[in-house]
Amino acid sequence: MIKIEKATSHKDYQQIVDLANIIIPEVYYPIVPEEHVNTFMKKYQSIEAIEEQINQDFQYYFLKYSEEIVGYLGIVINNAILLISKLYILKEYRGRRIGKWAIDFIEKEAMKANCTSIDLLVNEFNSHSIDFYKLNGYITIDLIEHNFNDGHIVRDFKMQKLCKPVGEYI
């Protein structure tokens, strides 16, 4: 059984950091230089960074499979757009529809908040994630280049799924 539970405490944020330390290197070391991944982890996936994001209205959730925490997601709603900031699942649990469950949850949250779209950024070389999002109705609308102080350049696809007005679901 799959469950999604909100992360609300310092202890929860530490569990997210622990998951990130496993999942993010496995996903990104093959496509992004290790030192850049490590900088990303410190800047965005430390307890301090997560708590700061929570203070800016981000919401983090655990993805649970048979009561075991197997991943997490992070979202924020801004100007009627729900941004999927993070959606990570442990490698050994992928392919069990946990990601689909998470996407359905995210889409329900967007509908409750009357969002016009759900947006996300995904690394141009992260083909597994790109295919997953396309399969779930997201389209690529832009290619965004990020230039970092260390000289590293990352290119992300901006993907989007438009939200239908509530009346269109009837």
Protein backbone atom coordinates (compact mmCIF):
# COMPACT_ATOMS: atom_id res chain seq x y z
CA MET A 1 0.00 0.00 0.00
CA ILE A 2 1.21 3.50 -0.87
CA LYS A 3 0.77 6.47 1.46
CA ILE A 4 1.81 10.09 1.35
CA GLU A 5 2.45 11.85 4.65
CA LYS A 6 3.46 15.45 5.27
CA ALA A 7 6.89 16.08 6.79
CA THR A 8 6.48 18.55 9.66
CA SER A 9 9.32 18.23 12.15
CA HIS A 10 13.08 18.59 12.42
CA LYS A 11 13.27 14.79 12.69
CA ASP A 12 11.26 14.47 9.44
CA TYR A 13 13.59 16.89 7.68
CA GLN A 14 16.57 14.81 8.80
CA GLN A 15 14.93 11.75 7.22
CA ILE A 16 14.57 13.71 3.98
CA VAL A 17 18.25 14.64 4.10
CA ASP A 18 19.14 10.97 4.68
CA LEU A 19 17.04 9.93 1.67
CA ALA A 20 18.53 12.71 -0.46
CA ASN A 21 22.04 11.53 0.42
CA ILE A 22 21.15 8.13 -1.07
CA ILE A 23 18.97 9.07 -4.02
CA ILE A 24 20.41 12.30 -5.44
CA PRO A 25 24.00 11.08 -6.01
CA GLU A 26 22.67 7.91 -7.65
CA VAL A 27 20.50 9.96 -10.02
CA TYR A 28 22.86 12.84 -10.77
CA TYR A 29 26.49 11.61 -10.54
CA PRO A 30 26.18 9.98 -13.97
CA ILE A 31 25.00 13.25 -15.58
CA VAL A 32 26.33 16.14 -13.44
CA PRO A 33 29.84 16.59 -11.98
CA GLU A 34 30.06 15.23 -8.43
CA GLU A 35 31.23 18.52 -6.91
CA HIS A 36 28.21 20.29 -8.36
CA VAL A 37 25.84 17.64 -6.97
CA ASN A 38 27.46 18.05 -3.57
CA THR A 39 27.01 21.83 -3.73
CA PHE A 40 23.34 21.31 -4.69
CA MET A 41 22.89 19.00 -1.71
CA LYS A 42 24.32 21.53 0.72
CA LYS A 43 22.37 24.43 -0.75
CA TYR A 44 18.96 22.76 -1.20
CA GLN A 45 18.82 19.47 0.71
CA SER A 46 20.36 20.22 4.09
CA ILE A 47 18.16 20.49 7.18
CA GLU A 48 18.73 24.25 7.23
CA ALA A 49 17.79 24.58 3.55
CA ILE A 50 14.66 22.47 3.99
CA GLU A 51 13.56 24.46 7.04
CA GLU A 52 14.13 27.69 5.10
CA GLN A 53 12.06 26.34 2.20
CA ILE A 54 9.28 25.34 4.63
CA ASN A 55 9.30 28.94 5.90
CA GLN A 56 8.75 30.02 2.27
CA ASP A 57 5.62 27.84 1.95
CA PHE A 58 7.24 24.73 0.49
CA GLN A 59 5.66 21.49 1.57
CA TYR A 60 7.55 18.22 1.86
CA TYR A 61 5.92 14.81 1.92
CA PHE A 62 7.15 11.29 2.53
CA LEU A 63 6.30 8.59 0.03
CA LYS A 64 5.60 5.37 1.92
CA TYR A 65 5.33 1.85 0.53
CA SER A 66 4.05 -0.80 2.96
CA GLU A 67 4.71 1.65 5.83
CA GLU A 68 8.37 2.11 4.81
CA ILE A 69 9.58 5.57 3.72
CA VAL A 70 10.87 5.07 0.18
CA GLY A 71 11.00 8.60 -1.19
CA TYR A 72 9.85 12.17 -0.85
CA LEU A 73 8.43 15.06 -2.76
CA GLY A 74 8.54 18.81 -2.35
CA ILE A 75 6.04 21.28 -3.79
CA VAL A 76 5.27 24.97 -3.58
CA ILE A 77 2.36 26.98 -4.95
CA ASN A 78 3.09 30.45 -6.27
CA ASN A 79 0.84 32.67 -8.44
CA ALA A 80 -1.58 29.82 -9.23
CA ILE A 81 1.26 27.54 -10.35
CA LEU A 82 2.18 24.43 -8.41
CA LEU A 83 5.90 23.75 -8.76
CA ILE A 84 7.16 20.22 -8.26
CA SER A 85 10.47 21.03 -6.65
CA LYS A 86 11.47 17.47 -5.79
CA LEU A 87 10.19 13.98 -6.48
CA TYR A 88 12.64 11.25 -5.54
CA ILE A 89 12.14 7.53 -4.98
CA LEU A 90 14.71 4.97 -3.85
CA LYS A 91 15.96 2.99 -6.85
CA GLU A 92 14.77 -0.37 -5.56
CA TYR A 93 11.19 0.95 -5.25
CA ARG A 94 10.85 2.50 -8.70
CA GLY A 95 8.41 0.81 -11.03
CA ARG A 96 5.87 0.12 -8.27
CA ARG A 97 3.54 3.02 -9.21
CA ILE A 98 4.76 5.15 -6.29
CA GLY A 99 5.65 7.97 -8.68
CA LYS A 100 2.23 7.77 -10.32
CA TRP A 101 0.60 7.89 -6.88
CA ALA A 102 2.69 11.00 -6.10
CA ILE A 103 1.70 12.68 -9.38
CA ASP A 104 -1.98 11.99 -8.70
CA PHE A 105 -1.58 13.49 -5.21
CA ILE A 106 0.17 16.57 -6.65
CA GLU A 107 -2.56 17.05 -9.24
CA LYS A 108 -5.25 16.89 -6.54
CA GLU A 109 -3.35 19.50 -4.51
CA ALA A 110 -3.18 21.73 -7.60
CA MET A 111 -6.94 21.38 -8.14
CA LYS A 112 -7.68 22.20 -4.49
CA ALA A 113 -5.58 25.37 -4.82
CA ASN A 114 -7.17 26.34 -8.17
CA CYS A 115 -3.80 26.25 -9.92
CA THR A 116 -3.62 26.90 -13.65
CA SER A 117 -0.63 24.60 -14.20
CA ILE A 118 1.86 22.25 -12.61
CA ASP A 119 5.44 23.06 -13.56
CA LEU A 120 8.78 21.38 -12.95
CA LEU A 121 12.39 21.44 -14.05
CA VAL A 122 14.22 18.25 -15.01
CA ASN A 123 17.83 17.87 -16.13
CA GLU A 124 18.06 17.47 -19.90
CA PHE A 125 19.97 14.17 -19.47
CA ASN A 126 17.57 12.66 -16.91
CA SER A 127 15.76 10.65 -19.58
CA HIS A 128 14.03 8.29 -17.13
CA SER A 129 12.31 11.20 -15.35
CA ILE A 130 11.54 13.01 -18.60
CA ASP A 131 9.84 9.87 -19.94
CA PHE A 132 7.90 9.45 -16.67
CA TYR A 133 6.57 13.00 -16.80
CA LYS A 134 5.66 12.74 -20.49
CA LEU A 135 3.79 9.51 -19.76
CA ASN A 136 1.80 11.45 -17.17
CA GLY A 137 0.79 14.23 -19.55
CA TYR A 138 3.55 16.80 -19.03
CA ILE A 139 5.03 18.58 -22.03
CA THR A 140 8.34 20.34 -22.50
CA ILE A 141 7.81 24.07 -22.86
CA ASP A 142 11.33 25.46 -22.52
CA LEU A 143 15.03 24.70 -22.10
CA ILE A 144 16.59 26.71 -19.29
CA GLU A 145 20.32 27.14 -18.84
CA HIS A 146 21.74 27.73 -15.35
CA ASN A 147 25.26 29.16 -15.07
CA PHE A 148 26.95 28.67 -11.71
CA ASN A 149 29.82 30.53 -10.06
CA ASP A 150 32.07 27.49 -10.40
CA GLY A 151 31.71 27.70 -14.18
CA HIS A 152 29.41 24.70 -14.40
CA ILE A 153 26.37 24.91 -16.67
CA VAL A 154 23.22 22.86 -16.16
CA ARG A 155 20.41 22.73 -18.67
CA ASP A 156 16.92 21.80 -17.52
CA PHE A 157 13.77 21.18 -19.44
CA LYS A 158 10.84 23.12 -18.05
CA MET A 159 7.86 20.80 -18.22
CA GLN A 160 4.25 21.67 -17.60
CA LYS A 161 0.80 20.21 -17.32
CA LEU A 162 -2.17 22.53 -17.51
CA CYS A 163 -4.85 22.14 -14.88
CA LYS A 164 -8.42 21.81 -16.03
CA PRO A 165 -11.08 23.89 -14.34
CA VAL A 166 -13.06 21.82 -11.84
CA GLY A 167 -16.16 21.81 -14.08
CA GLU A 168 -14.25 20.03 -16.84
CA TYR A 169 -13.90 16.88 -14.72
CA ILE A 170 -17.65 16.25 -14.55
